């Protein structure tokens, strides 16, 4: 592999990480919505429901934004990030063989 050329494994690793990130955010949304709708009947007052909506909304907002920023960073610097992983994976394979 010459410097500056892109290893095709990098794109595979990036796509896999991106899929897992989307899956994690999706699961988070589903779990929080499930918990919210299970708790609402026992919440008692409108104030408690408003607090749950605000708190849950903030959790979803900040976690979704964090994953989006992570994916943006990975996309911008995937050559370096995944290149290091692949370097050490290749070294381990070479030393094992």
N, C-alpha and C. Protein backbone atom coordinates (compact mmCIF):
# COMPACT_ATOMS: atom_id res chain seq x y z
N UNK A 1 0.84 -1.17 0.00
CA UNK A 1 0.00 0.00 0.00
C UNK A 1 0.89 1.24 0.00
N UNK A 2 0.71 2.09 -0.94
CA UNK A 2 1.54 3.29 -1.02
C UNK A 2 0.92 4.40 -0.18
N UNK A 3 1.76 5.29 0.34
CA UNK A 3 1.22 6.41 1.12
C UNK A 3 0.24 7.22 0.28
N UNK A 4 -0.87 7.58 0.89
CA UNK A 4 -1.86 8.38 0.19
C UNK A 4 -2.95 7.55 -0.48
N UNK A 5 -2.68 6.24 -0.71
CA UNK A 5 -3.72 5.42 -1.30
C UNK A 5 -4.63 4.90 -0.19
N UNK A 6 -5.88 4.71 -0.55
CA UNK A 6 -6.85 4.32 0.46
C UNK A 6 -7.07 2.81 0.44
N UNK A 7 -6.92 2.20 1.59
CA UNK A 7 -7.18 0.78 1.77
C UNK A 7 -8.69 0.57 1.72
N UNK A 8 -9.19 -0.33 0.87
CA UNK A 8 -10.64 -0.53 0.77
C UNK A 8 -11.26 -1.01 2.09
N UNK A 9 -10.45 -1.59 2.97
CA UNK A 9 -10.98 -2.04 4.26
C UNK A 9 -11.41 -0.88 5.13
N UNK A 10 -10.84 0.30 4.89
CA UNK A 10 -11.20 1.48 5.68
C UNK A 10 -12.67 1.82 5.47
N UNK A 11 -13.09 1.82 4.23
CA UNK A 11 -14.49 2.14 3.93
C UNK A 11 -15.43 1.11 4.53
N UNK A 12 -15.05 -0.15 4.51
CA UNK A 12 -15.87 -1.21 5.10
C UNK A 12 -15.99 -0.99 6.60
N UNK A 13 -14.88 -0.70 7.25
CA UNK A 13 -14.90 -0.47 8.70
C UNK A 13 -15.74 0.76 9.04
N UNK A 14 -15.59 1.82 8.25
CA UNK A 14 -16.36 3.05 8.49
C UNK A 14 -17.85 2.79 8.33
N UNK A 15 -18.24 2.10 7.26
CA UNK A 15 -19.66 1.80 7.05
C UNK A 15 -20.23 0.96 8.18
N UNK A 16 -19.45 -0.02 8.66
CA UNK A 16 -19.91 -0.87 9.75
C UNK A 16 -20.09 -0.05 11.04
N UNK A 17 -19.13 0.82 11.35
CA UNK A 17 -19.24 1.66 12.54
C UNK A 17 -20.42 2.62 12.43
N UNK A 18 -20.63 3.14 11.23
CA UNK A 18 -21.75 4.05 11.01
C UNK A 18 -23.09 3.34 11.22
N UNK A 19 -23.19 2.12 10.71
CA UNK A 19 -24.41 1.33 10.89
C UNK A 19 -24.67 1.09 12.38
N UNK A 20 -23.64 0.70 13.12
CA UNK A 20 -23.80 0.46 14.56
C UNK A 20 -24.17 1.73 15.30
N UNK A 21 -23.63 2.87 14.89
CA UNK A 21 -23.97 4.14 15.53
C UNK A 21 -25.44 4.47 15.30
N UNK A 22 -25.92 4.32 14.06
CA UNK A 22 -27.33 4.56 13.78
C UNK A 22 -28.22 3.59 14.55
N UNK A 23 -27.80 2.33 14.64
CA UNK A 23 -28.57 1.34 15.39
C UNK A 23 -28.64 1.71 16.87
N UNK A 24 -27.53 2.16 17.43
CA UNK A 24 -27.51 2.53 18.85
C UNK A 24 -28.44 3.71 19.12
N UNK A 25 -28.41 4.70 18.25
CA UNK A 25 -29.31 5.86 18.42
C UNK A 25 -30.76 5.41 18.26
N UNK A 26 -31.03 4.58 17.29
CA UNK A 26 -32.39 4.08 17.09
C UNK A 26 -32.90 3.31 18.30
N UNK A 27 -32.06 2.46 18.86
CA UNK A 27 -32.44 1.69 20.05
C UNK A 27 -32.67 2.63 21.23
N UNK A 28 -31.82 3.63 21.38
CA UNK A 28 -32.01 4.61 22.46
C UNK A 28 -33.37 5.29 22.33
N UNK A 29 -33.71 5.75 21.14
CA UNK A 29 -35.00 6.40 20.91
C UNK A 29 -36.15 5.44 21.26
N UNK A 30 -36.06 4.20 20.80
CA UNK A 30 -37.13 3.23 21.07
C UNK A 30 -37.27 2.95 22.56
N UNK A 31 -36.16 2.78 23.25
CA UNK A 31 -36.22 2.48 24.68
C UNK A 31 -36.80 3.66 25.46
N UNK A 32 -36.34 4.87 25.16
CA UNK A 32 -36.87 6.02 25.88
C UNK A 32 -38.36 6.24 25.60
N UNK A 33 -38.77 6.05 24.36
CA UNK A 33 -40.20 6.18 24.05
C UNK A 33 -41.01 5.09 24.74
N UNK A 34 -40.51 3.87 24.76
CA UNK A 34 -41.20 2.78 25.44
C UNK A 34 -41.35 3.08 26.93
N UNK A 35 -40.25 3.49 27.56
CA UNK A 35 -40.30 3.81 28.99
C UNK A 35 -41.26 4.97 29.25
N UNK A 36 -41.20 6.00 28.41
CA UNK A 36 -42.09 7.14 28.59
C UNK A 36 -43.55 6.71 28.56
N UNK A 37 -43.94 5.94 27.54
CA UNK A 37 -45.34 5.56 27.43
C UNK A 37 -45.77 4.55 28.49
N UNK A 38 -44.84 3.82 29.06
CA UNK A 38 -45.17 2.92 30.16
C UNK A 38 -45.31 3.68 31.49
N UNK A 39 -44.60 4.78 31.64
CA UNK A 39 -44.61 5.55 32.88
C UNK A 39 -45.74 6.57 32.93
N UNK A 40 -46.11 7.13 31.79
CA UNK A 40 -47.11 8.21 31.74
C UNK A 40 -48.39 7.88 32.51
N UNK A 41 -48.97 6.68 32.37
CA UNK A 41 -50.21 6.41 33.11
C UNK A 41 -50.05 6.51 34.64
N UNK A 42 -48.86 6.27 35.14
CA UNK A 42 -48.62 6.31 36.59
C UNK A 42 -47.93 7.59 37.03
N UNK A 43 -47.75 8.55 36.14
CA UNK A 43 -46.98 9.76 36.44
C UNK A 43 -47.67 10.63 37.48
N UNK A 44 -48.97 10.66 37.49
CA UNK A 44 -49.67 11.43 38.50
C UNK A 44 -50.09 12.81 38.06
N UNK A 45 -49.18 13.65 37.70
CA UNK A 45 -49.55 15.03 37.37
C UNK A 45 -48.93 15.45 36.04
N UNK A 46 -49.48 16.52 35.52
CA UNK A 46 -48.99 17.07 34.26
C UNK A 46 -47.56 17.58 34.42
N UNK A 47 -47.23 18.11 35.58
CA UNK A 47 -45.88 18.62 35.83
C UNK A 47 -44.84 17.52 35.72
N UNK A 48 -45.17 16.34 36.22
CA UNK A 48 -44.24 15.21 36.13
C UNK A 48 -44.08 14.79 34.66
N UNK A 49 -45.16 14.78 33.92
CA UNK A 49 -45.10 14.39 32.51
C UNK A 49 -44.26 15.41 31.72
N UNK A 50 -44.45 16.69 32.01
CA UNK A 50 -43.65 17.73 31.34
C UNK A 50 -42.17 17.54 31.66
N UNK A 51 -41.86 17.26 32.92
CA UNK A 51 -40.47 17.03 33.32
C UNK A 51 -39.89 15.82 32.60
N UNK A 52 -40.69 14.77 32.46
CA UNK A 52 -40.23 13.57 31.74
C UNK A 52 -39.96 13.89 30.26
N UNK A 53 -40.85 14.65 29.65
CA UNK A 53 -40.70 15.00 28.23
C UNK A 53 -39.44 15.85 28.04
N UNK A 54 -39.26 16.84 28.90
CA UNK A 54 -38.10 17.73 28.77
C UNK A 54 -36.80 16.95 28.99
N UNK A 55 -36.75 16.17 30.08
CA UNK A 55 -35.53 15.42 30.39
C UNK A 55 -35.24 14.38 29.30
N UNK A 56 -36.26 13.63 28.90
CA UNK A 56 -36.07 12.64 27.84
C UNK A 56 -35.68 13.27 26.52
N UNK A 57 -36.31 14.41 26.22
CA UNK A 57 -35.97 15.11 24.98
C UNK A 57 -34.53 15.59 24.98
N UNK A 58 -34.06 16.08 26.12
CA UNK A 58 -32.66 16.52 26.21
C UNK A 58 -31.69 15.35 26.07
N UNK A 59 -32.03 14.24 26.68
CA UNK A 59 -31.17 13.04 26.54
C UNK A 59 -31.09 12.63 25.08
N UNK A 60 -32.25 12.58 24.41
CA UNK A 60 -32.26 12.20 22.99
C UNK A 60 -31.53 13.22 22.13
N UNK A 61 -31.74 14.49 22.39
CA UNK A 61 -31.09 15.54 21.62
C UNK A 61 -29.56 15.46 21.74
N UNK A 62 -29.07 15.42 22.97
CA UNK A 62 -27.62 15.44 23.17
C UNK A 62 -26.95 14.14 22.71
N UNK A 63 -27.59 13.00 22.92
CA UNK A 63 -27.00 11.75 22.45
C UNK A 63 -27.00 11.65 20.94
N UNK A 64 -28.08 12.08 20.31
CA UNK A 64 -28.15 12.07 18.85
C UNK A 64 -27.11 13.03 18.27
N UNK A 65 -26.98 14.21 18.87
CA UNK A 65 -25.99 15.18 18.39
C UNK A 65 -24.57 14.65 18.59
N UNK A 66 -24.32 13.97 19.70
CA UNK A 66 -22.99 13.42 19.96
C UNK A 66 -22.63 12.35 18.93
N UNK A 67 -23.57 11.48 18.62
CA UNK A 67 -23.30 10.44 17.63
C UNK A 67 -23.11 11.07 16.25
N UNK A 68 -23.88 12.09 15.92
CA UNK A 68 -23.71 12.78 14.63
C UNK A 68 -22.32 13.41 14.55
N UNK A 69 -21.87 14.03 15.63
CA UNK A 69 -20.53 14.64 15.64
C UNK A 69 -19.45 13.57 15.54
N UNK A 70 -19.65 12.46 16.21
CA UNK A 70 -18.70 11.36 16.14
C UNK A 70 -18.57 10.84 14.71
N UNK A 71 -19.70 10.65 14.05
CA UNK A 71 -19.68 10.16 12.67
C UNK A 71 -19.03 11.18 11.72
N UNK A 72 -19.28 12.45 11.96
CA UNK A 72 -18.65 13.49 11.14
C UNK A 72 -17.13 13.45 11.31
N UNK A 73 -16.69 13.31 12.55
CA UNK A 73 -15.25 13.23 12.82
C UNK A 73 -14.66 11.98 12.18
N UNK A 74 -15.33 10.86 12.31
CA UNK A 74 -14.84 9.62 11.70
C UNK A 74 -14.73 9.77 10.18
N UNK A 75 -15.74 10.40 9.55
CA UNK A 75 -15.72 10.57 8.10
C UNK A 75 -14.54 11.45 7.68
N UNK A 76 -14.30 12.53 8.44
CA UNK A 76 -13.23 13.46 8.09
C UNK A 76 -11.83 12.87 8.29
N UNK A 77 -11.69 11.98 9.25
CA UNK A 77 -10.36 11.50 9.62
C UNK A 77 -10.26 9.97 9.55
N UNK A 78 -11.09 9.36 8.71
CA UNK A 78 -11.14 7.89 8.69
C UNK A 78 -9.82 7.26 8.23
N UNK A 79 -9.10 7.94 7.33
CA UNK A 79 -7.80 7.40 6.89
C UNK A 79 -6.88 7.16 8.09
N UNK A 80 -6.80 8.15 8.95
CA UNK A 80 -5.92 8.05 10.12
C UNK A 80 -6.48 7.07 11.15
N UNK A 81 -7.76 7.23 11.51
CA UNK A 81 -8.35 6.40 12.56
C UNK A 81 -8.33 4.91 12.20
N UNK A 82 -8.86 4.59 11.05
CA UNK A 82 -8.94 3.19 10.66
C UNK A 82 -7.60 2.67 10.16
N UNK A 83 -6.78 3.57 9.60
CA UNK A 83 -5.45 3.17 9.14
C UNK A 83 -4.61 2.63 10.29
N UNK A 84 -4.71 3.29 11.45
CA UNK A 84 -3.99 2.79 12.64
C UNK A 84 -4.49 1.41 13.05
N UNK A 85 -5.81 1.24 13.09
CA UNK A 85 -6.38 -0.06 13.43
C UNK A 85 -5.88 -1.14 12.48
N UNK A 86 -5.94 -0.84 11.18
CA UNK A 86 -5.52 -1.83 10.19
C UNK A 86 -4.03 -2.13 10.29
N UNK A 87 -3.24 -1.12 10.58
CA UNK A 87 -1.80 -1.33 10.75
C UNK A 87 -1.54 -2.36 11.85
N UNK A 88 -2.18 -2.17 13.00
CA UNK A 88 -1.95 -3.08 14.12
C UNK A 88 -2.59 -4.45 13.89
N UNK A 89 -3.71 -4.49 13.20
CA UNK A 89 -4.32 -5.79 12.85
C UNK A 89 -3.38 -6.56 11.92
N UNK A 90 -2.84 -5.87 10.92
CA UNK A 90 -1.90 -6.51 10.00
C UNK A 90 -0.66 -6.99 10.72
N UNK A 91 -0.14 -6.18 11.65
CA UNK A 91 1.04 -6.57 12.43
C UNK A 91 0.78 -7.81 13.27
N UNK A 92 -0.40 -7.87 13.90
CA UNK A 92 -0.73 -9.04 14.71
C UNK A 92 -0.83 -10.29 13.84
N UNK A 93 -1.45 -10.16 12.67
CA UNK A 93 -1.55 -11.30 11.76
C UNK A 93 -0.18 -11.76 11.30
N UNK A 94 0.68 -10.80 10.99
CA UNK A 94 2.03 -11.12 10.53
C UNK A 94 2.83 -11.83 11.63
N UNK A 95 2.72 -11.38 12.84
CA UNK A 95 3.45 -11.97 13.95
C UNK A 95 2.89 -13.32 14.38
N UNK A 96 1.62 -13.54 14.14
CA UNK A 96 0.97 -14.81 14.48
C UNK A 96 1.36 -15.91 13.51
N UNK A 97 1.46 -15.54 12.23
CA UNK A 97 1.68 -16.50 11.15
C UNK A 97 3.03 -17.06 11.18
